[in-house]
Amino acid sequence: MIHIEVASHFNEDAFSYGLALGLADRLRAELGDVRCDVHGEEPTIRLSTQGIAETLNDITVEVTGCCDAVVERVRRIVEEARG
């Protein structure tokens, strides 16, 4: 399953933490076992924010992977999942 990191600073605010966990769950459901078609590697997603997250738009989603193709594929899915 895809690896999603939730930055530790979300623990400082229960609402922000809840938003981040909800987004992480939604992304796991949407992405499932997505892997690079060329290299077979799983991408990594990191969720973070500057200050308190009041909406999903306040959460930064950083996608890293073995190549641009898998990163772009995951970014498209992330944008759809965020609504």
C-alpha atoms as a PDB file:
ATOM      1  CA  MET A   1       0.000   0.000   0.000  1.00  0.00           C
ATOM      2  CA  ILE A   2       1.123   3.550  -0.684  1.00  0.00           C
ATOM      3  CA  HIS A   3       3.124   5.274   2.056  1.00  0.00           C
ATOM      4  CA  ILE A   4       1.587   8.485   3.409  1.00  0.00           C
ATOM      5  CA  GLU A   5       3.437  10.536   6.028  1.00  0.00           C
ATOM      6  CA  VAL A   6       1.464  12.945   8.209  1.00  0.00           C
ATOM      7  CA  ALA A   7       3.787  15.630   9.589  1.00  0.00           C
ATOM      8  CA  SER A   8       4.077  15.561  13.376  1.00  0.00           C
ATOM      9  CA  HIS A   9       3.064  19.214  13.781  1.00  0.00           C
ATOM     10  CA  PHE A  10      -0.550  18.244  12.991  1.00  0.00           C
ATOM     11  CA  ASN A  11      -0.689  16.803  16.527  1.00  0.00           C
ATOM     12  CA  GLU A  12      -0.674  20.367  17.894  1.00  0.00           C
ATOM     13  CA  ASP A  13      -4.267  20.963  16.751  1.00  0.00           C
ATOM     14  CA  ALA A  14      -6.935  18.258  16.940  1.00  0.00           C
ATOM     15  CA  PHE A  15      -9.021  19.666  14.074  1.00  0.00           C
ATOM     16  CA  SER A  16      -6.016  19.938  11.726  1.00  0.00           C
ATOM     17  CA  TYR A  17      -4.920  16.444  12.718  1.00  0.00           C
ATOM     18  CA  GLY A  18      -8.380  15.093  11.954  1.00  0.00           C
ATOM     19  CA  LEU A  19      -8.383  16.777   8.543  1.00  0.00           C
ATOM     20  CA  ALA A  20      -4.962  15.327   7.750  1.00  0.00           C
ATOM     21  CA  LEU A  21      -5.943  11.805   8.828  1.00  0.00           C
ATOM     22  CA  GLY A  22      -9.167  12.010   6.834  1.00  0.00           C
ATOM     23  CA  LEU A  23      -7.272  13.122   3.738  1.00  0.00           C
ATOM     24  CA  ALA A  24      -4.693  10.367   4.257  1.00  0.00           C
ATOM     25  CA  ASP A  25      -7.470   7.744   4.471  1.00  0.00           C
ATOM     26  CA  ARG A  26      -9.164   9.105   1.362  1.00  0.00           C
ATOM     27  CA  LEU A  27      -5.875   9.078  -0.554  1.00  0.00           C
ATOM     28  CA  ARG A  28      -5.101   5.511   0.503  1.00  0.00           C
ATOM     29  CA  ALA A  29      -8.526   4.442  -0.753  1.00  0.00           C
ATOM     30  CA  GLU A  30      -8.139   6.317  -4.052  1.00  0.00           C
ATOM     31  CA  LEU A  31      -4.529   5.298  -4.702  1.00  0.00           C
ATOM     32  CA  GLY A  32      -4.560   1.732  -3.418  1.00  0.00           C
ATOM     33  CA  ASP A  33      -1.428  -0.042  -4.602  1.00  0.00           C
ATOM     34  CA  VAL A  34      -0.421   2.479  -7.262  1.00  0.00           C
ATOM     35  CA  ARG A  35       3.083   1.837  -8.571  1.00  0.00           C
ATOM     36  CA  CYS A  36       5.248   3.179 -11.329  1.00  0.00           C
ATOM     37  CA  ASP A  37       4.478   1.315 -14.556  1.00  0.00           C
ATOM     38  CA  VAL A  38       8.155   1.432 -15.574  1.00  0.00           C
ATOM     39  CA  HIS A  39      10.060   0.856 -12.319  1.00  0.00           C
ATOM     40  CA  GLY A  40       7.485  -0.882 -10.099  1.00  0.00           C
ATOM     41  CA  GLU A  41       8.210   1.552  -7.238  1.00  0.00           C
ATOM     42  CA  GLU A  42       5.587   3.028  -4.901  1.00  0.00           C
ATOM     43  CA  PRO A  43       5.464   6.811  -4.527  1.00  0.00           C
ATOM     44  CA  THR A  44       5.467   8.550  -1.152  1.00  0.00           C
ATOM     45  CA  ILE A  45       3.063  11.277  -0.085  1.00  0.00           C
ATOM     46  CA  ARG A  46       3.786  13.743   2.721  1.00  0.00           C
ATOM     47  CA  LEU A  47       1.047  15.897   4.239  1.00  0.00           C
ATOM     48  CA  SER A  48       2.045  19.124   5.988  1.00  0.00           C
ATOM     49  CA  THR A  49       0.745  22.607   6.693  1.00  0.00           C
ATOM     50  CA  GLN A  50       1.927  26.054   7.667  1.00  0.00           C
ATOM     51  CA  GLY A  51       0.096  26.692  10.931  1.00  0.00           C
ATOM     52  CA  ILE A  52      -3.421  25.406  11.556  1.00  0.00           C
ATOM     53  CA  ALA A  53      -5.306  23.704   8.742  1.00  0.00           C
ATOM     54  CA  GLU A  54      -8.916  24.829   8.634  1.00  0.00           C
ATOM     55  CA  THR A  55      -9.732  23.251   5.247  1.00  0.00           C
ATOM     56  CA  LEU A  56      -8.219  20.632   2.965  1.00  0.00           C
ATOM     57  CA  ASN A  57      -6.809  23.481   0.877  1.00  0.00           C
ATOM     58  CA  ASP A  58      -4.576  24.406   3.845  1.00  0.00           C
ATOM     59  CA  ILE A  59      -2.840  21.035   3.659  1.00  0.00           C
ATOM     60  CA  THR A  60       0.213  20.756   1.426  1.00  0.00           C
ATOM     61  CA  VAL A  61       0.530  17.434  -0.380  1.00  0.00           C
ATOM     62  CA  GLU A  62       4.067  16.585  -1.488  1.00  0.00           C
ATOM     63  CA  VAL A  63       4.464  13.627  -3.842  1.00  0.00           C
ATOM     64  CA  THR A  64       7.808  11.966  -4.453  1.00  0.00           C
ATOM     65  CA  GLY A  65       8.562   8.969  -6.607  1.00  0.00           C
ATOM     66  CA  CYS A  66      11.074   7.253  -8.832  1.00  0.00           C
ATOM     67  CA  CYS A  67      10.161   9.280 -11.924  1.00  0.00           C
ATOM     68  CA  ASP A  68       8.042  12.176 -13.158  1.00  0.00           C
ATOM     69  CA  ALA A  69       5.436   9.887 -14.703  1.00  0.00           C
ATOM     70  CA  VAL A  70       4.334   8.291 -11.425  1.00  0.00           C
ATOM     71  CA  VAL A  71       4.514  11.626  -9.563  1.00  0.00           C
ATOM     72  CA  GLU A  72       2.226  13.301 -12.119  1.00  0.00           C
ATOM     73  CA  ARG A  73      -0.168  10.352 -12.094  1.00  0.00           C
ATOM     74  CA  VAL A  74      -0.462  10.490  -8.315  1.00  0.00           C
ATOM     75  CA  ARG A  75      -0.827  14.293  -8.300  1.00  0.00           C
ATOM     76  CA  ARG A  76      -3.822  14.031 -10.634  1.00  0.00           C
ATOM     77  CA  ILE A  77      -5.462  11.462  -8.364  1.00  0.00           C
ATOM     78  CA  VAL A  78      -4.695  13.606  -5.281  1.00  0.00           C
ATOM     79  CA  GLU A  79      -6.336  16.673  -6.849  1.00  0.00           C
ATOM     80  CA  GLU A  80      -9.447  14.650  -7.682  1.00  0.00           C
ATOM     81  CA  ALA A  81      -9.590  13.232  -4.135  1.00  0.00           C
ATOM     82  CA  ARG A  82      -9.316  16.695  -2.593  1.00  0.00           C
ATOM     83  CA  GLY A  83     -12.390  17.775  -4.518  1.00  0.00           C
END
